[in-house]
C-alpha atoms as a PDB file:
ATOM      1  CA  MET A   1      13.225 -98.517 -21.444  1.00  0.00           C
ATOM      2  CA  ALA A   2       9.343 -98.258 -21.975  1.00  0.00           C
ATOM      3  CA  GLY A   3       8.128 -96.112 -19.377  1.00  0.00           C
ATOM      4  CA  SER A   4      10.670 -94.442 -17.804  1.00  0.00           C
ATOM      5  CA  PHE A   5      10.210 -90.716 -17.429  1.00  0.00           C
ATOM      6  CA  VAL A   6      13.770 -88.040 -17.353  1.00  0.00           C
ATOM      7  CA  GLU A   7      13.173 -85.180 -14.712  1.00  0.00           C
ATOM      8  CA  GLU A   8      14.302 -81.931 -15.735  1.00  0.00           C
ATOM      9  CA  SER A   9      13.855 -78.806 -13.597  1.00  0.00           C
ATOM     10  CA  ILE A  10      13.126 -75.874 -15.681  1.00  0.00           C
ATOM     11  CA  GLU A  11      13.755 -71.996 -14.442  1.00  0.00           C
ATOM     12  CA  VAL A  12      10.776 -70.443 -13.126  1.00  0.00           C
ATOM     13  CA  LEU A  13      10.504 -66.673 -13.231  1.00  0.00           C
ATOM     14  CA  LEU A  14       7.390 -64.733 -11.655  1.00  0.00           C
ATOM     15  CA  PHE A  15       6.414 -61.108 -13.335  1.00  0.00           C
ATOM     16  CA  HIS A  16       3.984 -58.231 -12.134  1.00  0.00           C
ATOM     17  CA  LYS A  17       3.012 -55.124 -13.228  1.00  0.00           C
ATOM     18  CA  PRO A  18       3.342 -52.759  -9.672  1.00  0.00           C
ATOM     19  CA  ARG A  19       1.630 -48.979  -9.783  1.00  0.00           C
ATOM     20  CA  GLY A  20       3.737 -46.290 -11.549  1.00  0.00           C
ATOM     21  CA  SER A  21       5.314 -49.375 -14.040  1.00  0.00           C
ATOM     22  CA  ALA A  22       3.164 -47.562 -17.023  1.00  0.00           C
ATOM     23  CA  GLY A  23       2.094 -51.476 -17.569  1.00  0.00           C
ATOM     24  CA  THR A  24       5.138 -53.115 -17.550  1.00  0.00           C
ATOM     25  CA  TRP A  25       6.418 -56.183 -16.311  1.00  0.00           C
ATOM     26  CA  VAL A  26       8.636 -55.863 -13.646  1.00  0.00           C
ATOM     27  CA  GLN A  27      10.402 -59.543 -12.154  1.00  0.00           C
ATOM     28  CA  VAL A  28       9.038 -60.249  -8.658  1.00  0.00           C
ATOM     29  CA  GLU A  29      12.467 -60.923  -6.052  1.00  0.00           C
ATOM     30  CA  GLU A  30      12.598 -62.740  -3.341  1.00  0.00           C
ATOM     31  CA  ASN A  31      10.971 -61.799  -0.529  1.00  0.00           C
ATOM     32  CA  GLN A  32       9.108 -59.112  -2.202  1.00  0.00           C
ATOM     33  CA  HIS A  33       5.616 -57.719  -0.765  1.00  0.00           C
ATOM     34  CA  VAL A  34       2.910 -57.613  -3.962  1.00  0.00           C
ATOM     35  CA  ARG A  35       0.055 -55.941  -3.503  1.00  0.00           C
ATOM     36  CA  VAL A  36      -3.106 -58.334  -4.267  1.00  0.00           C
ATOM     37  CA  ASP A  37      -6.790 -57.776  -4.233  1.00  0.00           C
ATOM     38  CA  LYS A  38      -8.848 -60.195  -2.583  1.00  0.00           C
ATOM     39  CA  LYS A  39     -11.817 -59.351  -4.692  1.00  0.00           C
ATOM     40  CA  LEU A  40     -10.137 -58.343  -8.255  1.00  0.00           C
ATOM     41  CA  GLY A  41      -6.928 -60.744  -7.895  1.00  0.00           C
ATOM     42  CA  LYS A  42      -3.552 -59.804  -8.751  1.00  0.00           C
ATOM     43  CA  LYS A  43      -2.468 -60.863 -12.562  1.00  0.00           C
ATOM     44  CA  PHE A  44       1.046 -62.509 -12.696  1.00  0.00           C
ATOM     45  CA  MET A  45       3.519 -63.565 -15.796  1.00  0.00           C
ATOM     46  CA  LEU A  46       5.451 -66.927 -15.133  1.00  0.00           C
ATOM     47  CA  LYS A  47       8.536 -66.997 -17.769  1.00  0.00           C
ATOM     48  CA  LEU A  48       9.149 -70.540 -17.864  1.00  0.00           C
ATOM     49  CA  ARG A  49      12.278 -71.609 -19.200  1.00  0.00           C
ATOM     50  CA  SER A  50      13.047 -75.102 -20.504  1.00  0.00           C
ATOM     51  CA  ASN A  51      15.820 -77.324 -22.824  1.00  0.00           C
ATOM     52  CA  THR A  52      12.694 -79.605 -23.673  1.00  0.00           C
ATOM     53  CA  GLU A  53       9.907 -78.242 -25.439  1.00  0.00           C
ATOM     54  CA  ALA A  54       7.135 -78.185 -23.180  1.00  0.00           C
ATOM     55  CA  ASN A  55       3.403 -79.314 -23.816  1.00  0.00           C
ATOM     56  CA  ILE A  56       1.325 -76.434 -22.812  1.00  0.00           C
ATOM     57  CA  HIS A  57      -1.730 -78.877 -22.345  1.00  0.00           C
ATOM     58  CA  SER A  58       0.212 -80.455 -19.719  1.00  0.00           C
ATOM     59  CA  LEU A  59       1.303 -77.713 -17.457  1.00  0.00           C
ATOM     60  CA  ALA A  60      -0.708 -77.406 -14.284  1.00  0.00           C
ATOM     61  CA  PHE A  61       0.106 -75.239 -11.064  1.00  0.00           C
ATOM     62  CA  SER A  62      -0.154 -74.719  -7.466  1.00  0.00           C
ATOM     63  CA  LEU A  63       0.648 -72.437  -4.886  1.00  0.00           C
ATOM     64  CA  LEU A  64       2.131 -73.267  -1.676  1.00  0.00           C
ATOM     65  CA  TYR A  65       0.787 -70.832   0.908  1.00  0.00           C
ATOM     66  CA  ASN A  66       0.161 -70.816   5.053  1.00  0.00           C
ATOM     67  CA  GLY A  67       2.389 -74.648   4.830  1.00  0.00           C
ATOM     68  CA  GLU A  68      -0.082 -76.121   2.788  1.00  0.00           C
ATOM     69  CA  ILE A  69      -0.144 -76.832  -1.280  1.00  0.00           C
ATOM     70  CA  ALA A  70      -3.232 -75.717  -3.018  1.00  0.00           C
ATOM     71  CA  SER A  71      -4.520 -76.110  -7.100  1.00  0.00           C
ATOM     72  CA  SER A  72      -6.975 -73.285  -6.039  1.00  0.00           C
ATOM     73  CA  GLY A  73      -7.062 -70.020  -5.067  1.00  0.00           C
ATOM     74  CA  PHE A  74      -5.734 -68.571  -9.355  1.00  0.00           C
ATOM     75  CA  LYS A  75      -7.037 -69.141 -12.709  1.00  0.00           C
ATOM     76  CA  VAL A  76      -5.079 -69.200 -15.498  1.00  0.00           C
ATOM     77  CA  GLU A  77      -5.809 -66.640 -18.337  1.00  0.00           C
ATOM     78  CA  SER A  78      -3.452 -67.314 -21.380  1.00  0.00           C
ATOM     79  CA  LYS A  79      -0.576 -69.769 -22.099  1.00  0.00           C
ATOM     80  CA  GLU A  80       2.100 -69.054 -24.786  1.00  0.00           C
ATOM     81  CA  VAL A  81       5.250 -70.696 -25.828  1.00  0.00           C
ATOM     82  CA  GLU A  82       7.971 -69.044 -27.891  1.00  0.00           C
ATOM     83  CA  ILE A  83      11.148 -71.139 -29.185  1.00  0.00           C
ATOM     84  CA  ALA A  84      14.322 -68.408 -28.708  1.00  0.00           C
ATOM     85  CA  SER A  85      17.863 -69.884 -29.434  1.00  0.00           C
ATOM     86  CA  GLU A  86      17.157 -73.923 -28.428  1.00  0.00           C
ATOM     87  CA  VAL A  87      15.081 -72.715 -25.178  1.00  0.00           C
ATOM     88  CA  PHE A  88      11.729 -72.682 -25.026  1.00  0.00           C
ATOM     89  CA  LEU A  89       9.852 -70.596 -23.105  1.00  0.00           C
ATOM     90  CA  VAL A  90       5.943 -70.859 -21.994  1.00  0.00           C
ATOM     91  CA  ASN A  91       4.450 -67.331 -20.659  1.00  0.00           C
ATOM     92  CA  VAL A  92       1.820 -67.805 -18.789  1.00  0.00           C
ATOM     93  CA  VAL A  93      -0.607 -65.522 -17.265  1.00  0.00           C
ATOM     94  CA  LEU A  94      -2.495 -65.897 -14.416  1.00  0.00           C
ATOM     95  CA  ARG A  95      -4.384 -64.430 -12.099  1.00  0.00           C
ATOM     96  CA  ILE A  96      -3.855 -64.956  -7.884  1.00  0.00           C
ATOM     97  CA  PHE A  97      -7.141 -64.202  -5.590  1.00  0.00           C
ATOM     98  CA  ILE A  98      -5.238 -64.984  -1.678  1.00  0.00           C
ATOM     99  CA  SER A  99      -3.629 -62.290  -0.009  1.00  0.00           C
ATOM    100  CA  ASN A 100      -1.790 -61.596   3.386  1.00  0.00           C
ATOM    101  CA  CYS A 101       0.499 -64.512   2.993  1.00  0.00           C
ATOM    102  CA  LYS A 102       4.073 -66.055   1.838  1.00  0.00           C
ATOM    103  CA  MET A 103       3.607 -67.918  -1.597  1.00  0.00           C
ATOM    104  CA  LYS A 104       5.307 -69.464  -4.308  1.00  0.00           C
ATOM    105  CA  ILE A 105       4.011 -70.744  -7.133  1.00  0.00           C
ATOM    106  CA  PHE A 106       4.942 -74.476  -8.716  1.00  0.00           C
ATOM    107  CA  ALA A 107       4.662 -75.539 -12.323  1.00  0.00           C
ATOM    108  CA  LYS A 108       5.191 -78.823 -13.400  1.00  0.00           C
ATOM    109  CA  GLY A 109       3.784 -80.484 -16.768  1.00  0.00           C
ATOM    110  CA  MET A 110       5.489 -82.728 -19.374  1.00  0.00           C
ATOM    111  CA  SER A 111       7.685 -82.603 -22.605  1.00  0.00           C
ATOM    112  CA  TYR A 112       5.969 -82.705 -26.230  1.00  0.00           C
ATOM    113  CA  ASN A 113       7.343 -85.617 -26.873  1.00  0.00           C
ATOM    114  CA  GLY A 114       6.308 -87.086 -23.724  1.00  0.00           C
ATOM    115  CA  THR A 115       9.320 -88.312 -22.552  1.00  0.00           C
ATOM    116  CA  THR A 116      10.336 -85.755 -20.263  1.00  0.00           C
ATOM    117  CA  SER A 117       8.768 -84.396 -16.720  1.00  0.00           C
ATOM    118  CA  LEU A 118       9.121 -81.359 -16.231  1.00  0.00           C
ATOM    119  CA  TYR A 119       9.662 -78.936 -12.384  1.00  0.00           C
ATOM    120  CA  GLY A 120       9.763 -76.165 -11.353  1.00  0.00           C
ATOM    121  CA  GLU A 121       8.959 -73.286  -8.602  1.00  0.00           C
ATOM    122  CA  THR A 122       9.272 -69.491  -8.426  1.00  0.00           C
ATOM    123  CA  CYS A 123      10.914 -67.435  -5.664  1.00  0.00           C
ATOM    124  CA  LEU A 124       8.821 -66.737  -2.181  1.00  0.00           C
ATOM    125  CA  PHE A 125       6.912 -63.472  -2.327  1.00  0.00           C
ATOM    126  CA  ILE A 126       4.566 -61.804   0.016  1.00  0.00           C
ATOM    127  CA  SER A 127       0.908 -60.805  -0.828  1.00  0.00           C
ATOM    128  CA  ASN A 128      -0.752 -58.433   0.973  1.00  0.00           C
ATOM    129  CA  ASN A 129      -3.356 -56.562   0.705  1.00  0.00           C
ATOM    130  CA  ARG A 130      -2.618 -53.041   1.242  1.00  0.00           C
ATOM    131  CA  ASN A 131      -5.531 -51.045  -1.416  1.00  0.00           C
ATOM    132  CA  PHE A 132      -7.452 -49.225   1.667  1.00  0.00           C
ATOM    133  CA  LYS A 133      -6.435 -46.002   2.549  1.00  0.00           C
ATOM    134  CA  ARG A 134      -7.676 -44.771   6.020  1.00  0.00           C
ATOM    135  CA  LYS A 135      -9.706 -41.431   5.559  1.00  0.00           C
ATOM    136  CA  ARG A 136      -8.428 -38.871   8.192  1.00  0.00           C
ATOM    137  CA  ASN A 137     -10.211 -35.960   8.624  1.00  0.00           C
ATOM    138  CA  SER A 138      -8.127 -32.002   8.855  1.00  0.00           C
ATOM    139  CA  PHE A 139      -7.039 -32.320  12.312  1.00  0.00           C
ATOM    140  CA  GLY A 140      -5.618 -36.171  11.722  1.00  0.00           C
ATOM    141  CA  ASP A 141      -8.197 -38.107  13.149  1.00  0.00           C
ATOM    142  CA  PRO A 142      -8.748 -41.286  11.721  1.00  0.00           C
ATOM    143  CA  ASP A 143     -11.806 -42.180  13.065  1.00  0.00           C
ATOM    144  CA  GLY A 144     -13.191 -38.621  13.564  1.00  0.00           C
ATOM    145  CA  SER A 145     -13.924 -39.118  16.943  1.00  0.00           C
ATOM    146  CA  ARG A 146     -12.302 -35.662  18.152  1.00  0.00           C
ATOM    147  CA  ILE A 147     -14.380 -34.036  15.223  1.00  0.00           C
ATOM    148  CA  ALA A 148     -17.569 -35.225  16.710  1.00  0.00           C
ATOM    149  CA  GLN A 149     -17.051 -33.704  20.251  1.00  0.00           C
ATOM    150  CA  LEU A 150     -15.902 -30.577  18.723  1.00  0.00           C
ATOM    151  CA  ILE A 151     -19.006 -30.740  16.908  1.00  0.00           C
ATOM    152  CA  LYS A 152     -21.365 -31.368  19.795  1.00  0.00           C
ATOM    153  CA  LYS A 153     -19.299 -28.690  22.187  1.00  0.00           C
ATOM    154  CA  ARG A 154     -20.075 -26.168  19.546  1.00  0.00           C
ATOM    155  CA  LYS A 155     -23.841 -27.099  19.569  1.00  0.00           C
ATOM    156  CA  ASP A 156     -24.014 -27.459  23.346  1.00  0.00           C
ATOM    157  CA  SER A 157     -22.460 -23.771  23.914  1.00  0.00           C
ATOM    158  CA  ASN A 158     -25.015 -22.511  20.814  1.00  0.00           C
ATOM    159  CA  LEU A 159     -27.871 -23.879  22.725  1.00  0.00           C
ATOM    160  CA  LYS A 160     -26.636 -21.903  26.324  1.00  0.00           C
END
């Protein structure tokens, strides 16, 4: 049959380098919170496993977030193919710039010989932007209003 494709589901594993991991990639689990900086983004690695060799030039990625599928909000930084005991691996490093939502990454592409359509998705994870720290003064007052009141009170008492 000319023009027909075989569809193959591929396994897509998601990894990131969390703080304190000494630069080691750690697998992201279902519903795990992952810190994503809106300006710098967050670097992730996808490991795509397939029984069929994938054409890395045909691989396309999309994000599911806020109930919509988008092909923006991230940037693919590198792709490399690895062959290990009849299993084909594609390692993809991408940077995501979207935070504060649940998301999933989809991968689709074609086999190297062009006869098989490949498709897979990561687990659902939650991106957040928890990189800020509230500065507290010595009184534990986050906005400094208590200190301002004490300073004003002291100035007023010194003027009398």
